[in-house]
PDB file of N, CA and C in Angstrom:
ATOM      1  N   UNK A   1      17.910   1.875 -10.306  1.00  0.00           N
ATOM      2  CA  UNK A   1      17.702   2.941  -8.928  1.00  0.00           C
ATOM      3  C   UNK A   1      18.813   3.176  -8.175  1.00  0.00           C
ATOM      4  N   UNK A   2      19.127   4.226  -7.581  1.00  0.00           N
ATOM      5  CA  UNK A   2      20.227   4.082  -6.428  1.00  0.00           C
ATOM      6  C   UNK A   2      19.548   3.554  -5.599  1.00  0.00           C
ATOM      7  N   UNK A   3      20.151   3.040  -4.480  1.00  0.00           N
ATOM      8  CA  UNK A   3      19.526   2.339  -3.036  1.00  0.00           C
ATOM      9  C   UNK A   3      19.015   3.739  -2.310  1.00  0.00           C
ATOM     10  N   UNK A   4      19.735   4.973  -2.088  1.00  0.00           N
ATOM     11  CA  UNK A   4      19.395   5.943  -1.152  1.00  0.00           C
ATOM     12  C   UNK A   4      17.748   6.169  -1.803  1.00  0.00           C
ATOM     13  N   UNK A   5      17.642   6.249  -2.989  1.00  0.00           N
ATOM     14  CA  UNK A   5      16.288   6.407  -3.878  1.00  0.00           C
ATOM     15  C   UNK A   5      15.371   5.575  -3.675  1.00  0.00           C
ATOM     16  N   UNK A   6      15.944   4.357  -3.757  1.00  0.00           N
ATOM     17  CA  UNK A   6      14.869   3.071  -3.227  1.00  0.00           C
ATOM     18  C   UNK A   6      14.560   3.159  -2.011  1.00  0.00           C
ATOM     19  N   UNK A   7      15.120   3.492  -1.094  1.00  0.00           N
ATOM     20  CA  UNK A   7      14.592   3.480   0.399  1.00  0.00           C
ATOM     21  C   UNK A   7      13.705   4.588   0.600  1.00  0.00           C
ATOM     22  N   UNK A   8      14.082   5.751  -0.278  1.00  0.00           N
ATOM     23  CA  UNK A   8      13.040   6.844   0.142  1.00  0.00           C
ATOM     24  C   UNK A   8      11.580   6.356  -0.574  1.00  0.00           C
ATOM     25  N   UNK A   9      11.866   5.932  -1.536  1.00  0.00           N
ATOM     26  CA  UNK A   9      10.426   5.190  -2.076  1.00  0.00           C
ATOM     27  C   UNK A   9       9.703   4.179  -1.205  1.00  0.00           C
ATOM     28  N   UNK A  10      10.490   3.243  -1.030  1.00  0.00           N
ATOM     29  CA  UNK A  10       9.711   2.295  -0.029  1.00  0.00           C
ATOM     30  C   UNK A  10       9.381   3.075   1.035  1.00  0.00           C
ATOM     31  N   UNK A  11      10.133   3.963   2.031  1.00  0.00           N
ATOM     32  CA  UNK A  11       9.484   4.543   2.950  1.00  0.00           C
ATOM     33  C   UNK A  11       8.479   5.243   2.819  1.00  0.00           C
ATOM     34  N   UNK A  12       8.227   6.216   1.548  1.00  0.00           N
ATOM     35  CA  UNK A  12       7.208   6.770   1.263  1.00  0.00           C
ATOM     36  C   UNK A  12       6.037   6.114   1.058  1.00  0.00           C
ATOM     37  N   UNK A  13       5.803   4.894   0.744  1.00  0.00           N
ATOM     38  CA  UNK A  13       4.763   3.860   0.208  1.00  0.00           C
ATOM     39  C   UNK A  13       4.453   3.358   1.423  1.00  0.00           C
ATOM     40  N   UNK A  14       5.286   3.029   2.692  1.00  0.00           N
ATOM     41  CA  UNK A  14       4.731   2.595   3.664  1.00  0.00           C
ATOM     42  C   UNK A  14       4.519   3.521   4.617  1.00  0.00           C
ATOM     43  N   UNK A  15       4.785   4.847   4.468  1.00  0.00           N
ATOM     44  CA  UNK A  15       3.837   5.872   5.324  1.00  0.00           C
ATOM     45  C   UNK A  15       2.596   6.153   4.671  1.00  0.00           C
ATOM     46  N   UNK A  16       2.439   5.546   3.604  1.00  0.00           N
ATOM     47  CA  UNK A  16       0.944   5.353   3.432  1.00  0.00           C
ATOM     48  C   UNK A  16       0.120   4.612   3.948  1.00  0.00           C
ATOM     49  N   UNK A  17       0.690   3.458   4.831  1.00  0.00           N
ATOM     50  CA  UNK A  17      -0.465   2.503   5.550  1.00  0.00           C
ATOM     51  C   UNK A  17      -1.225   3.087   6.439  1.00  0.00           C
ATOM     52  N   UNK A  18      -0.631   4.284   7.463  1.00  0.00           N
ATOM     53  CA  UNK A  18      -1.932   4.642   8.209  1.00  0.00           C
ATOM     54  C   UNK A  18      -2.997   5.388   7.582  1.00  0.00           C
ATOM     55  N   UNK A  19      -2.906   6.188   6.388  1.00  0.00           N
ATOM     56  CA  UNK A  19      -3.872   6.785   5.756  1.00  0.00           C
ATOM     57  C   UNK A  19      -4.287   5.782   5.177  1.00  0.00           C
ATOM     58  N   UNK A  20      -4.235   4.580   4.612  1.00  0.00           N
ATOM     59  CA  UNK A  20      -4.912   3.927   4.062  1.00  0.00           C
ATOM     60  C   UNK A  20      -5.667   2.875   5.020  1.00  0.00           C
ATOM     61  N   UNK A  21      -5.178   2.527   6.156  1.00  0.00           N
ATOM     62  CA  UNK A  21      -5.749   2.271   7.033  1.00  0.00           C
ATOM     63  C   UNK A  21      -6.898   2.777   7.601  1.00  0.00           C
ATOM     64  N   UNK A  22      -6.921   4.494   7.607  1.00  0.00           N
ATOM     65  CA  UNK A  22      -7.827   5.232   8.292  1.00  0.00           C
ATOM     66  C   UNK A  22      -9.164   4.912   7.181  1.00  0.00           C
ATOM     67  N   UNK A  23      -8.858   4.614   5.623  1.00  0.00           N
ATOM     68  CA  UNK A  23      -9.678   4.891   4.711  1.00  0.00           C
ATOM     69  C   UNK A  23     -10.564   3.418   5.002  1.00  0.00           C
ATOM     70  N   UNK A  24      -9.731   2.340   5.232  1.00  0.00           N
ATOM     71  CA  UNK A  24     -10.211   1.149   5.450  1.00  0.00           C
ATOM     72  C   UNK A  24     -11.538   1.302   6.655  1.00  0.00           C
ATOM     73  N   UNK A  25     -11.084   1.905   7.606  1.00  0.00           N
ATOM     74  CA  UNK A  25     -12.095   2.017   8.896  1.00  0.00           C
ATOM     75  C   UNK A  25     -13.121   2.792   8.384  1.00  0.00           C
ATOM     76  N   UNK A  26     -13.293   4.053   7.623  1.00  0.00           N
ATOM     77  CA  UNK A  26     -14.291   4.632   7.165  1.00  0.00           C
ATOM     78  C   UNK A  26     -14.937   4.014   6.258  1.00  0.00           C
ATOM     79  N   UNK A  27     -14.407   3.243   5.438  1.00  0.00           N
ATOM     80  CA  UNK A  27     -15.192   2.049   4.557  1.00  0.00           C
ATOM     81  C   UNK A  27     -16.016   1.083   5.416  1.00  0.00           C
ATOM     82  N   UNK A  28     -15.418   0.628   6.356  1.00  0.00           N
ATOM     83  CA  UNK A  28     -16.090  -0.561   7.049  1.00  0.00           C
ATOM     84  C   UNK A  28     -17.568   0.214   7.695  1.00  0.00           C
ATOM     85  N   UNK A  29     -17.458   1.384   7.796  1.00  0.00           N
ATOM     86  CA  UNK A  29     -18.603   2.138   8.491  1.00  0.00           C
ATOM     87  C   UNK A  29     -19.572   2.334   7.463  1.00  0.00           C
ATOM     88  N   UNK A  30     -19.489   2.226   6.058  1.00  0.00           N
ATOM     89  CA  UNK A  30     -20.598   2.242   4.986  1.00  0.00           C
ATOM     90  C   UNK A  30     -21.565   1.274   5.304  1.00  0.00           C
ATOM     91  N   UNK A  31     -22.833   1.688   5.281  1.00  0.00           N
ATOM     92  CA  UNK A  31     -23.744   0.745   5.754  1.00  0.00           C
ATOM     93  C   UNK A  31     -24.466  -0.178   4.467  1.00  0.00           C
ATOM     94  N   UNK A  32     -24.406   0.541   3.519  1.00  0.00           N
ATOM     95  CA  UNK A  32     -24.757  -0.316   2.132  1.00  0.00           C
ATOM     96  C   UNK A  32     -23.510  -1.149   1.871  1.00  0.00           C
ATOM     97  N   UNK A  33     -23.934  -2.360   1.985  1.00  0.00           N
ATOM     98  CA  UNK A  33     -23.314  -3.226   1.618  1.00  0.00           C
ATOM     99  C   UNK A  33     -22.623  -3.423   0.240  1.00  0.00           C
ATOM    100  N   UNK A  34     -23.265  -3.072  -0.774  1.00  0.00           N
ATOM    101  CA  UNK A  34     -22.888  -3.107  -1.999  1.00  0.00           C
ATOM    102  C   UNK A  34     -21.674  -2.022  -2.433  1.00  0.00           C
ATOM    103  N   UNK A  35     -22.231  -0.942  -1.629  1.00  0.00           N
ATOM    104  CA  UNK A  35     -21.080  -0.018  -1.755  1.00  0.00           C
ATOM    105  C   UNK A  35     -19.999  -0.272  -0.834  1.00  0.00           C
ATOM    106  N   UNK A  36     -19.792  -0.697   0.253  1.00  0.00           N
ATOM    107  CA  UNK A  36     -19.080  -0.802   0.808  1.00  0.00           C
ATOM    108  C   UNK A  36     -18.203  -2.019   0.312  1.00  0.00           C
ATOM    109  N   UNK A  37     -18.651  -3.073  -0.327  1.00  0.00           N
ATOM    110  CA  UNK A  37     -17.569  -3.869  -0.830  1.00  0.00           C
ATOM    111  C   UNK A  37     -17.033  -3.305  -2.004  1.00  0.00           C
ATOM    112  N   UNK A  38     -17.863  -2.373  -3.034  1.00  0.00           N
ATOM    113  CA  UNK A  38     -16.938  -1.610  -4.202  1.00  0.00           C
ATOM    114  C   UNK A  38     -15.730  -0.824  -3.528  1.00  0.00           C
ATOM    115  N   UNK A  39     -16.368  -0.099  -2.418  1.00  0.00           N
ATOM    116  CA  UNK A  39     -15.356   0.972  -1.968  1.00  0.00           C
ATOM    117  C   UNK A  39     -13.816  -0.007  -1.539  1.00  0.00           C
ATOM    118  N   UNK A  40     -13.900  -1.101  -0.931  1.00  0.00           N
ATOM    119  CA  UNK A  40     -13.085  -1.888  -0.506  1.00  0.00           C
ATOM    120  C   UNK A  40     -12.381  -2.536  -1.545  1.00  0.00           C
ATOM    121  N   UNK A  41     -12.971  -2.949  -2.453  1.00  0.00           N
ATOM    122  CA  UNK A  41     -12.320  -3.610  -3.604  1.00  0.00           C
ATOM    123  C   UNK A  41     -11.272  -2.569  -4.309  1.00  0.00           C
ATOM    124  N   UNK A  42     -11.897  -0.978  -4.151  1.00  0.00           N
ATOM    125  CA  UNK A  42     -10.995  -0.067  -4.893  1.00  0.00           C
ATOM    126  C   UNK A  42      -9.373   0.057  -4.071  1.00  0.00           C
ATOM    127  N   UNK A  43     -10.331   0.060  -2.631  1.00  0.00           N
ATOM    128  CA  UNK A  43      -9.067  -0.110  -1.578  1.00  0.00           C
ATOM    129  C   UNK A  43      -7.924  -1.238  -2.075  1.00  0.00           C
ATOM    130  N   UNK A  44      -8.446  -2.237  -2.084  1.00  0.00           N
ATOM    131  CA  UNK A  44      -7.379  -3.512  -2.295  1.00  0.00           C
ATOM    132  C   UNK A  44      -6.971  -3.258  -3.502  1.00  0.00           C
ATOM    133  N   UNK A  45      -7.394  -2.461  -4.530  1.00  0.00           N
ATOM    134  CA  UNK A  45      -6.430  -2.277  -5.781  1.00  0.00           C
ATOM    135  C   UNK A  45      -5.534  -1.255  -5.481  1.00  0.00           C
ATOM    136  N   UNK A  46      -5.646  -0.517  -4.582  1.00  0.00           N
ATOM    137  CA  UNK A  46      -4.635   0.714  -4.379  1.00  0.00           C
ATOM    138  C   UNK A  46      -3.404   0.032  -3.482  1.00  0.00           C
ATOM    139  N   UNK A  47      -3.617  -1.196  -2.544  1.00  0.00           N
ATOM    140  CA  UNK A  47      -2.713  -1.772  -2.137  1.00  0.00           C
ATOM    141  C   UNK A  47      -1.950  -2.694  -3.130  1.00  0.00           C
ATOM    142  N   UNK A  48      -2.847  -3.169  -3.739  1.00  0.00           N
ATOM    143  CA  UNK A  48      -2.098  -4.105  -4.926  1.00  0.00           C
ATOM    144  C   UNK A  48      -1.076  -3.492  -5.850  1.00  0.00           C
ATOM    145  N   UNK A  49      -1.636  -2.220  -6.420  1.00  0.00           N
ATOM    146  CA  UNK A  49      -0.901  -1.406  -7.554  1.00  0.00           C
ATOM    147  C   UNK A  49       0.333  -0.904  -6.340  1.00  0.00           C
ATOM    148  N   UNK A  50       0.172  -0.534  -5.499  1.00  0.00           N
ATOM    149  CA  UNK A  50       1.706  -0.141  -4.720  1.00  0.00           C
ATOM    150  C   UNK A  50       2.459  -1.180  -4.656  1.00  0.00           C
ATOM    151  N   UNK A  51       2.293  -2.584  -4.101  1.00  0.00           N
ATOM    152  CA  UNK A  51       3.208  -3.547  -3.980  1.00  0.00           C
ATOM    153  C   UNK A  51       3.652  -3.834  -5.331  1.00  0.00           C
ATOM    154  N   UNK A  52       2.735  -4.059  -6.179  1.00  0.00           N
ATOM    155  CA  UNK A  52       2.940  -4.355  -7.592  1.00  0.00           C
ATOM    156  C   UNK A  52       4.197  -3.385  -8.228  1.00  0.00           C
ATOM    157  N   UNK A  53       3.922  -1.966  -8.181  1.00  0.00           N
ATOM    158  CA  UNK A  53       4.602  -1.262  -8.689  1.00  0.00           C
ATOM    159  C   UNK A  53       5.947  -0.724  -8.311  1.00  0.00           C
ATOM    160  N   UNK A  54       5.998  -0.862  -6.477  1.00  0.00           N
ATOM    161  CA  UNK A  54       7.184  -0.169  -6.078  1.00  0.00           C
ATOM    162  C   UNK A  54       7.725  -1.211  -5.244  1.00  0.00           C
ATOM    163  N   UNK A  55       6.807  -1.821  -4.130  1.00  0.00           N
ATOM    164  CA  UNK A  55       7.508  -2.815  -2.942  1.00  0.00           C
ATOM    165  C   UNK A  55       8.110  -3.807  -3.812  1.00  0.00           C
ATOM    166  N   UNK A  56       7.392  -4.488  -4.710  1.00  0.00           N
ATOM    167  CA  UNK A  56       8.210  -6.005  -5.187  1.00  0.00           C
ATOM    168  C   UNK A  56       9.160  -5.352  -6.167  1.00  0.00           C
ATOM    169  N   UNK A  57       9.103  -4.513  -7.068  1.00  0.00           N
ATOM    170  CA  UNK A  57      10.613  -4.217  -7.682  1.00  0.00           C
ATOM    171  C   UNK A  57      11.625  -3.555  -6.887  1.00  0.00           C
ATOM    172  N   UNK A  58      11.545  -2.960  -5.912  1.00  0.00           N
ATOM    173  CA  UNK A  58      12.450  -2.458  -5.078  1.00  0.00           C
ATOM    174  C   UNK A  58      13.139  -3.890  -4.071  1.00  0.00           C
ATOM    175  N   UNK A  59      12.075  -4.713  -3.753  1.00  0.00           N
ATOM    176  CA  UNK A  59      12.635  -5.714  -2.898  1.00  0.00           C
ATOM    177  C   UNK A  59      13.343  -6.891  -3.889  1.00  0.00           C
ATOM    178  N   UNK A  60      12.973  -6.855  -4.892  1.00  0.00           N
ATOM    179  CA  UNK A  60      14.107  -7.840  -5.791  1.00  0.00           C
ATOM    180  C   UNK A  60      15.265  -6.659  -6.252  1.00  0.00           C
ATOM    181  N   UNK A  61      15.308  -5.760  -6.604  1.00  0.00           N
ATOM    182  CA  UNK A  61      16.667  -4.996  -6.214  1.00  0.00           C
ATOM    183  C   UNK A  61      17.878  -4.994  -5.057  1.00  0.00           C
ATOM    184  N   UNK A  62      16.488  -4.787  -3.940  1.00  0.00           N
ATOM    185  CA  UNK A  62      17.327  -4.425  -2.638  1.00  0.00           C
ATOM    186  C   UNK A  62      16.782  -5.361  -1.348  1.00  0.00           C
ATOM    187  N   UNK A  63      16.723  -6.377  -1.349  1.00  0.00           N
ATOM    188  CA  UNK A  63      15.968  -7.234  -0.578  1.00  0.00           C
ATOM    189  C   UNK A  63      16.047  -6.742   0.844  1.00  0.00           C
ATOM    190  N   UNK A  64      17.210  -6.324   1.411  1.00  0.00           N
ATOM    191  CA  UNK A  64      17.111  -5.768   2.781  1.00  0.00           C
ATOM    192  C   UNK A  64      16.158  -4.574   2.947  1.00  0.00           C
ATOM    193  N   UNK A  65      15.555  -3.912   1.680  1.00  0.00           N
ATOM    194  CA  UNK A  65      14.735  -2.457   1.961  1.00  0.00           C
ATOM    195  C   UNK A  65      13.375  -2.945   2.061  1.00  0.00           C
ATOM    196  N   UNK A  66      12.974  -4.281   1.427  1.00  0.00           N
ATOM    197  CA  UNK A  66      11.925  -4.805   1.327  1.00  0.00           C
ATOM    198  C   UNK A  66      11.251  -5.405   2.790  1.00  0.00           C
ATOM    199  N   UNK A  67      12.284  -5.751   3.635  1.00  0.00           N
ATOM    200  CA  UNK A  67      11.844  -6.350   4.768  1.00  0.00           C
ATOM    201  C   UNK A  67      11.680  -5.690   5.790  1.00  0.00           C
ATOM    202  N   UNK A  68      10.505  -6.059   6.532  1.00  0.00           N
ATOM    203  CA  UNK A  68       9.740  -5.219   7.380  1.00  0.00           C
ATOM    204  C   UNK A  68       9.136  -6.200   8.594  1.00  0.00           C
ATOM    205  N   UNK A  69       9.494  -5.840   9.867  1.00  0.00           N
ATOM    206  CA  UNK A  69       8.640  -6.462  11.112  1.00  0.00           C
ATOM    207  C   UNK A  69       7.318  -6.665  11.100  1.00  0.00           C
TER     208      UNK A  69
END
C-alpha cells in the first residue's frame, strides 16, 4: 500500500475515536448490567478489529504513521 493511502486509512480509523467514545458513554448509561456488559464487549470487539485490521498492519509498514501522542 502506498504511504499516502496508508496515511488516509490511519486518519480515517482514528477519526472514528470520538464517535466510538460517544458510543461508550451511551453504553455506560445502560442500567441493565448484563446488557451493558454485552454492549461493552461488542464495542471492545470493534476497537480490536480496527486495531488488528488497520492500525497494526499500517504501523508495520509505516511505523511513523502509527505513532500518536
